[in-house]
Amino acid sequence: MADKQKIKQDIIDAAKTLFTNNGFISTTISDISKACGYSRRTIYHHFDSKEMIMNHIIYQELQVLDKGIRELMEKEMDDKYYVLCDMIVNYIIFNPFSYEAVSKTKIYKISNIDQIQKQIFDIGNNINNNIYSIINNYYPIKMVSVYLLFQYLSAVCNLLSNNQKFILDSNNMNKNEFLRYSYDLFLRGMMNV
């Protein structure tokens, strides 16, 4: 019999691929069962619902982002802001399902959420506070700037996703130059507020 943690991770990995490729709504527990090779009963033994599987995916991906940001905070370097922006862009690009789910989540009362949702909320707060600390070293900002940064970088990623060749060619830039320009633009905007 397979290890419980391995079974759980196999289910999460299969669901992540399906959610990313087919969308959350279009993916069924039967689809996840076929993809991971475990019965629906086994899936329901580990997860109460498809939403719970989704929340575990989100939490795992936020853990990776959180770890990277904490490691960045410990480094002695002048360009932490740019490295931070690259981390956020990579999170948005390589974890689109997770980013979209987090950015659309509405929590009205912290007392009405389950344990995994609470973990997501807590790690999200840690991430936001650490991002705030890094940016605040460049310029005193309000916490709302962190939320704006995520939305801004999401828009930059969307722009590149839809029109990268045109934008880069018409501005005579490579992708890294365009991203750096975008990061500077956001920071200058915050400084003018």
C-alpha atoms as a PDB file:
ATOM      1  CA  MET A   1       0.000   0.000   0.000  1.00  0.00           C
ATOM      2  CA  ALA A   2       1.345   3.399  -0.988  1.00  0.00           C
ATOM      3  CA  ASP A   3       2.329   5.939   1.633  1.00  0.00           C
ATOM      4  CA  LYS A   4      -0.556   8.305   2.564  1.00  0.00           C
ATOM      5  CA  GLN A   5       1.538  11.404   1.852  1.00  0.00           C
ATOM      6  CA  LYS A   6       2.537  10.060  -1.556  1.00  0.00           C
ATOM      7  CA  ILE A   7      -1.083   9.297  -2.452  1.00  0.00           C
ATOM      8  CA  LYS A   8      -2.136  12.776  -1.361  1.00  0.00           C
ATOM      9  CA  GLN A   9       0.670  14.383  -3.388  1.00  0.00           C
ATOM     10  CA  ASP A  10      -0.146  12.253  -6.450  1.00  0.00           C
ATOM     11  CA  ILE A  11      -3.744  13.481  -6.270  1.00  0.00           C
ATOM     12  CA  ILE A  12      -2.601  17.099  -5.866  1.00  0.00           C
ATOM     13  CA  ASP A  13      -0.169  16.837  -8.800  1.00  0.00           C
ATOM     14  CA  ALA A  14      -2.779  15.298 -11.108  1.00  0.00           C
ATOM     15  CA  ALA A  15      -5.373  17.890 -10.112  1.00  0.00           C
ATOM     16  CA  LYS A  16      -2.924  20.762 -10.631  1.00  0.00           C
ATOM     17  CA  THR A  17      -2.227  19.668 -14.191  1.00  0.00           C
ATOM     18  CA  LEU A  18      -5.927  19.249 -14.938  1.00  0.00           C
ATOM     19  CA  PHE A  19      -6.938  22.541 -13.305  1.00  0.00           C
ATOM     20  CA  THR A  20      -4.233  24.395 -15.232  1.00  0.00           C
ATOM     21  CA  ASN A  21      -5.038  22.769 -18.582  1.00  0.00           C
ATOM     22  CA  ASN A  22      -8.820  22.393 -18.385  1.00  0.00           C
ATOM     23  CA  GLY A  23      -9.875  24.856 -15.713  1.00  0.00           C
ATOM     24  CA  PHE A  24     -11.165  24.195 -12.231  1.00  0.00           C
ATOM     25  CA  ILE A  25     -14.851  24.116 -13.124  1.00  0.00           C
ATOM     26  CA  SER A  26     -14.400  21.741 -16.072  1.00  0.00           C
ATOM     27  CA  THR A  27     -12.326  19.262 -14.069  1.00  0.00           C
ATOM     28  CA  THR A  28     -14.220  16.572 -12.174  1.00  0.00           C
ATOM     29  CA  ILE A  29     -13.164  14.224  -9.403  1.00  0.00           C
ATOM     30  CA  SER A  30     -13.530  11.427 -11.987  1.00  0.00           C
ATOM     31  CA  ASP A  31     -10.991  13.249 -14.201  1.00  0.00           C
ATOM     32  CA  ILE A  32      -8.596  13.523 -11.268  1.00  0.00           C
ATOM     33  CA  SER A  33      -9.154   9.838 -10.462  1.00  0.00           C
ATOM     34  CA  LYS A  34      -8.241   8.808 -14.015  1.00  0.00           C
ATOM     35  CA  ALA A  35      -5.195  11.088 -14.102  1.00  0.00           C
ATOM     36  CA  CYS A  36      -3.703   9.961 -10.797  1.00  0.00           C
ATOM     37  CA  GLY A  37      -4.762   6.315 -10.946  1.00  0.00           C
ATOM     38  CA  TYR A  38      -6.569   6.305  -7.587  1.00  0.00           C
ATOM     39  CA  SER A  39     -10.259   5.657  -7.084  1.00  0.00           C
ATOM     40  CA  ARG A  40     -12.751   8.411  -6.322  1.00  0.00           C
ATOM     41  CA  ARG A  41     -13.144   6.783  -2.909  1.00  0.00           C
ATOM     42  CA  THR A  42      -9.418   7.150  -2.234  1.00  0.00           C
ATOM     43  CA  ILE A  43      -9.533  10.790  -3.318  1.00  0.00           C
ATOM     44  CA  TYR A  44     -12.473  11.485  -1.009  1.00  0.00           C
ATOM     45  CA  HIS A  45     -10.639   9.696   1.800  1.00  0.00           C
ATOM     46  CA  HIS A  46      -7.895  12.338   1.567  1.00  0.00           C
ATOM     47  CA  PHE A  47      -9.898  15.389   0.458  1.00  0.00           C
ATOM     48  CA  ASP A  48     -13.477  16.392   1.260  1.00  0.00           C
ATOM     49  CA  SER A  49     -13.931  18.165  -2.072  1.00  0.00           C
ATOM     50  CA  LYS A  50     -12.361  19.401  -5.264  1.00  0.00           C
ATOM     51  CA  GLU A  51     -12.097  22.823  -3.574  1.00  0.00           C
ATOM     52  CA  MET A  52      -9.977  21.303  -0.808  1.00  0.00           C
ATOM     53  CA  ILE A  53      -7.599  19.841  -3.395  1.00  0.00           C
ATOM     54  CA  MET A  54      -7.405  23.280  -5.009  1.00  0.00           C
ATOM     55  CA  ASN A  55      -6.577  24.863  -1.657  1.00  0.00           C
ATOM     56  CA  HIS A  56      -3.737  22.403  -1.067  1.00  0.00           C
ATOM     57  CA  ILE A  57      -2.292  23.264  -4.485  1.00  0.00           C
ATOM     58  CA  ILE A  58      -2.496  26.973  -3.690  1.00  0.00           C
ATOM     59  CA  TYR A  59      -0.886  26.488  -0.297  1.00  0.00           C
ATOM     60  CA  GLN A  60       2.029  24.464  -1.708  1.00  0.00           C
ATOM     61  CA  GLU A  61       2.735  27.053  -4.383  1.00  0.00           C
ATOM     62  CA  LEU A  62       2.554  29.899  -1.862  1.00  0.00           C
ATOM     63  CA  GLN A  63       5.012  28.008   0.354  1.00  0.00           C
ATOM     64  CA  VAL A  64       7.556  28.057  -2.480  1.00  0.00           C
ATOM     65  CA  LEU A  65       7.061  31.813  -3.001  1.00  0.00           C
ATOM     66  CA  ASP A  66       7.223  32.479   0.734  1.00  0.00           C
ATOM     67  CA  LYS A  67      10.455  30.499   1.111  1.00  0.00           C
ATOM     68  CA  GLY A  68      12.070  32.365  -1.783  1.00  0.00           C
ATOM     69  CA  ILE A  69      11.088  35.765  -0.376  1.00  0.00           C
ATOM     70  CA  ARG A  70      12.342  34.870   3.122  1.00  0.00           C
ATOM     71  CA  GLU A  71      15.674  33.727   1.665  1.00  0.00           C
ATOM     72  CA  LEU A  72      15.884  36.955  -0.338  1.00  0.00           C
ATOM     73  CA  MET A  73      15.338  39.024   2.800  1.00  0.00           C
ATOM     74  CA  GLU A  74      18.381  37.398   4.421  1.00  0.00           C
ATOM     75  CA  LYS A  75      20.710  38.238   1.519  1.00  0.00           C
ATOM     76  CA  GLU A  76      22.898  41.303   1.423  1.00  0.00           C
ATOM     77  CA  MET A  77      22.313  42.832  -1.997  1.00  0.00           C
ATOM     78  CA  ASP A  78      21.306  46.141  -3.521  1.00  0.00           C
ATOM     79  CA  ASP A  79      18.773  44.900  -6.059  1.00  0.00           C
ATOM     80  CA  LYS A  80      16.377  42.910  -3.826  1.00  0.00           C
ATOM     81  CA  TYR A  81      13.423  44.776  -5.299  1.00  0.00           C
ATOM     82  CA  TYR A  82      14.206  43.520  -8.817  1.00  0.00           C
ATOM     83  CA  VAL A  83      14.786  39.951  -7.649  1.00  0.00           C
ATOM     84  CA  LEU A  84      11.511  40.154  -5.721  1.00  0.00           C
ATOM     85  CA  CYS A  85       9.649  41.333  -8.824  1.00  0.00           C
ATOM     86  CA  ASP A  86      11.171  38.460 -10.823  1.00  0.00           C
ATOM     87  CA  MET A  87       9.948  36.018  -8.145  1.00  0.00           C
ATOM     88  CA  ILE A  88       6.425  37.413  -8.321  1.00  0.00           C
ATOM     89  CA  VAL A  89       6.428  37.328 -12.133  1.00  0.00           C
ATOM     90  CA  ASN A  90       7.616  33.706 -12.066  1.00  0.00           C
ATOM     91  CA  TYR A  91       4.885  32.820  -9.558  1.00  0.00           C
ATOM     92  CA  ILE A  92       2.256  34.420 -11.809  1.00  0.00           C
ATOM     93  CA  ILE A  93       3.575  32.801 -15.011  1.00  0.00           C
ATOM     94  CA  PHE A  94       4.338  29.305 -13.712  1.00  0.00           C
ATOM     95  CA  ASN A  95       1.417  29.012 -11.282  1.00  0.00           C
ATOM     96  CA  PRO A  96      -1.405  30.705 -13.185  1.00  0.00           C
ATOM     97  CA  PHE A  97      -4.139  28.610 -11.612  1.00  0.00           C
ATOM     98  CA  SER A  98      -2.913  29.352  -8.098  1.00  0.00           C
ATOM     99  CA  TYR A  99      -2.381  33.058  -8.752  1.00  0.00           C
ATOM    100  CA  GLU A 100      -5.817  33.457 -10.296  1.00  0.00           C
ATOM    101  CA  ALA A 101      -7.496  31.612  -7.420  1.00  0.00           C
ATOM    102  CA  VAL A 102      -5.679  33.686  -4.793  1.00  0.00           C
ATOM    103  CA  SER A 103      -6.368  36.981  -6.539  1.00  0.00           C
ATOM    104  CA  LYS A 104     -10.103  36.186  -6.768  1.00  0.00           C
ATOM    105  CA  THR A 105     -10.522  34.862  -3.227  1.00  0.00           C
ATOM    106  CA  LYS A 106     -12.776  36.868  -0.978  1.00  0.00           C
ATOM    107  CA  ILE A 107     -12.576  36.244   2.752  1.00  0.00           C
ATOM    108  CA  TYR A 108     -15.220  37.996   4.766  1.00  0.00           C
ATOM    109  CA  LYS A 109     -14.744  36.396   8.179  1.00  0.00           C
ATOM    110  CA  ILE A 110     -11.611  34.581   9.235  1.00  0.00           C
ATOM    111  CA  SER A 111     -13.694  32.490  11.655  1.00  0.00           C
ATOM    112  CA  ASN A 112     -15.674  30.942   8.773  1.00  0.00           C
ATOM    113  CA  ILE A 113     -12.750  29.306   6.973  1.00  0.00           C
ATOM    114  CA  ASP A 114     -11.317  25.792   7.293  1.00  0.00           C
ATOM    115  CA  GLN A 115      -7.769  24.897   8.325  1.00  0.00           C
ATOM    116  CA  ILE A 116      -6.197  24.894   4.846  1.00  0.00           C
ATOM    117  CA  GLN A 117      -7.860  28.226   4.010  1.00  0.00           C
ATOM    118  CA  LYS A 118      -6.465  29.627   7.271  1.00  0.00           C
ATOM    119  CA  GLN A 119      -3.002  28.387   6.297  1.00  0.00           C
ATOM    120  CA  ILE A 120      -3.358  30.090   2.910  1.00  0.00           C
ATOM    121  CA  PHE A 121      -4.497  33.292   4.597  1.00  0.00           C
ATOM    122  CA  ASP A 122      -1.589  33.195   7.074  1.00  0.00           C
ATOM    123  CA  ILE A 123       1.092  32.476   4.478  1.00  0.00           C
ATOM    124  CA  GLY A 124      -0.405  35.154   2.214  1.00  0.00           C
ATOM    125  CA  ASN A 125      -0.104  37.669   5.057  1.00  0.00           C
ATOM    126  CA  ASN A 126       3.512  36.609   5.647  1.00  0.00           C
ATOM    127  CA  ILE A 127       4.299  37.021   1.962  1.00  0.00           C
ATOM    128  CA  ASN A 128       2.636  40.447   1.833  1.00  0.00           C
ATOM    129  CA  ASN A 129       4.425  41.638   4.980  1.00  0.00           C
ATOM    130  CA  ASN A 130       7.808  40.490   3.687  1.00  0.00           C
ATOM    131  CA  ILE A 131       7.222  42.119   0.300  1.00  0.00           C
ATOM    132  CA  TYR A 132       6.252  45.302   2.133  1.00  0.00           C
ATOM    133  CA  SER A 133       9.520  45.193   4.097  1.00  0.00           C
ATOM    134  CA  ILE A 134      11.612  44.779   0.952  1.00  0.00           C
ATOM    135  CA  ILE A 135       9.882  47.577  -0.991  1.00  0.00           C
ATOM    136  CA  ASN A 136       9.810  49.835   2.065  1.00  0.00           C
ATOM    137  CA  ASN A 137      13.625  49.743   2.049  1.00  0.00           C
ATOM    138  CA  TYR A 138      13.509  51.590  -1.291  1.00  0.00           C
ATOM    139  CA  TYR A 139      10.775  54.011  -0.455  1.00  0.00           C
ATOM    140  CA  PRO A 140       8.285  54.387   2.411  1.00  0.00           C
ATOM    141  CA  ILE A 141       5.031  52.935   1.134  1.00  0.00           C
ATOM    142  CA  LYS A 142       1.617  51.895   2.367  1.00  0.00           C
ATOM    143  CA  MET A 143       0.646  48.231   2.506  1.00  0.00           C
ATOM    144  CA  VAL A 144      -1.774  48.755  -0.377  1.00  0.00           C
ATOM    145  CA  SER A 145       1.297  49.112  -2.619  1.00  0.00           C
ATOM    146  CA  VAL A 146       1.947  45.381  -2.180  1.00  0.00           C
ATOM    147  CA  TYR A 147      -1.498  44.526  -3.534  1.00  0.00           C
ATOM    148  CA  LEU A 148      -1.015  46.999  -6.365  1.00  0.00           C
ATOM    149  CA  LEU A 149       2.359  45.438  -7.199  1.00  0.00           C
ATOM    150  CA  PHE A 150       0.767  42.024  -7.662  1.00  0.00           C
ATOM    151  CA  GLN A 151      -1.951  43.464  -9.900  1.00  0.00           C
ATOM    152  CA  TYR A 152       0.547  45.543 -11.861  1.00  0.00           C
ATOM    153  CA  LEU A 153       2.902  42.613 -12.435  1.00  0.00           C
ATOM    154  CA  SER A 154      -0.054  40.449 -13.416  1.00  0.00           C
ATOM    155  CA  ALA A 155      -0.954  43.029 -16.064  1.00  0.00           C
ATOM    156  CA  VAL A 156       2.672  43.089 -17.278  1.00  0.00           C
ATOM    157  CA  CYS A 157       2.637  39.269 -17.566  1.00  0.00           C
ATOM    158  CA  ASN A 158      -0.669  39.383 -19.428  1.00  0.00           C
ATOM    159  CA  LEU A 159       0.690  42.005 -21.813  1.00  0.00           C
ATOM    160  CA  LEU A 160       3.762  39.884 -22.553  1.00  0.00           C
ATOM    161  CA  SER A 161       1.667  36.760 -22.905  1.00  0.00           C
ATOM    162  CA  ASN A 162      -0.560  38.350 -25.531  1.00  0.00           C
ATOM    163  CA  ASN A 163       1.810  40.684 -27.406  1.00  0.00           C
ATOM    164  CA  GLN A 164       5.388  39.903 -26.421  1.00  0.00           C
ATOM    165  CA  LYS A 165       6.971  39.974 -29.900  1.00  0.00           C
ATOM    166  CA  PHE A 166       5.282  43.233 -30.902  1.00  0.00           C
ATOM    167  CA  ILE A 167       6.050  44.990 -27.608  1.00  0.00           C
ATOM    168  CA  LEU A 168       9.671  43.912 -27.474  1.00  0.00           C
ATOM    169  CA  ASP A 169      10.345  44.566 -31.172  1.00  0.00           C
ATOM    170  CA  SER A 170       8.629  47.968 -31.220  1.00  0.00           C
ATOM    171  CA  ASN A 171      10.546  49.094 -28.134  1.00  0.00           C
ATOM    172  CA  ASN A 172      13.835  47.506 -29.192  1.00  0.00           C
ATOM    173  CA  MET A 173      14.055  45.587 -25.905  1.00  0.00           C
ATOM    174  CA  ASN A 174      14.531  42.020 -24.832  1.00  0.00           C
ATOM    175  CA  LYS A 175      12.226  40.476 -22.242  1.00  0.00           C
ATOM    176  CA  ASN A 176      14.555  41.165 -19.303  1.00  0.00           C
ATOM    177  CA  GLU A 177      14.953  44.821 -20.293  1.00  0.00           C
ATOM    178  CA  PHE A 178      11.190  45.196 -20.600  1.00  0.00           C
ATOM    179  CA  LEU A 179      10.613  43.621 -17.196  1.00  0.00           C
ATOM    180  CA  ARG A 180      13.267  45.801 -15.556  1.00  0.00           C
ATOM    181  CA  TYR A 181      11.713  48.886 -17.170  1.00  0.00           C
ATOM    182  CA  SER A 182       8.295  47.794 -15.865  1.00  0.00           C
ATOM    183  CA  TYR A 183       9.648  47.268 -12.332  1.00  0.00           C
ATOM    184  CA  ASP A 184      11.247  50.735 -12.398  1.00  0.00           C
ATOM    185  CA  LEU A 185       8.024  52.262 -13.664  1.00  0.00           C
ATOM    186  CA  PHE A 186       6.060  50.805 -10.749  1.00  0.00           C
ATOM    187  CA  LEU A 187       8.643  51.955  -8.203  1.00  0.00           C
ATOM    188  CA  ARG A 188       8.720  55.480  -9.658  1.00  0.00           C
ATOM    189  CA  GLY A 189       4.935  55.530  -9.525  1.00  0.00           C
ATOM    190  CA  MET A 190       4.993  54.621  -5.843  1.00  0.00           C
ATOM    191  CA  MET A 191       7.535  57.342  -5.158  1.00  0.00           C
ATOM    192  CA  ASN A 192       5.249  59.959  -6.725  1.00  0.00           C
ATOM    193  CA  VAL A 193       2.257  59.044  -4.591  1.00  0.00           C
END
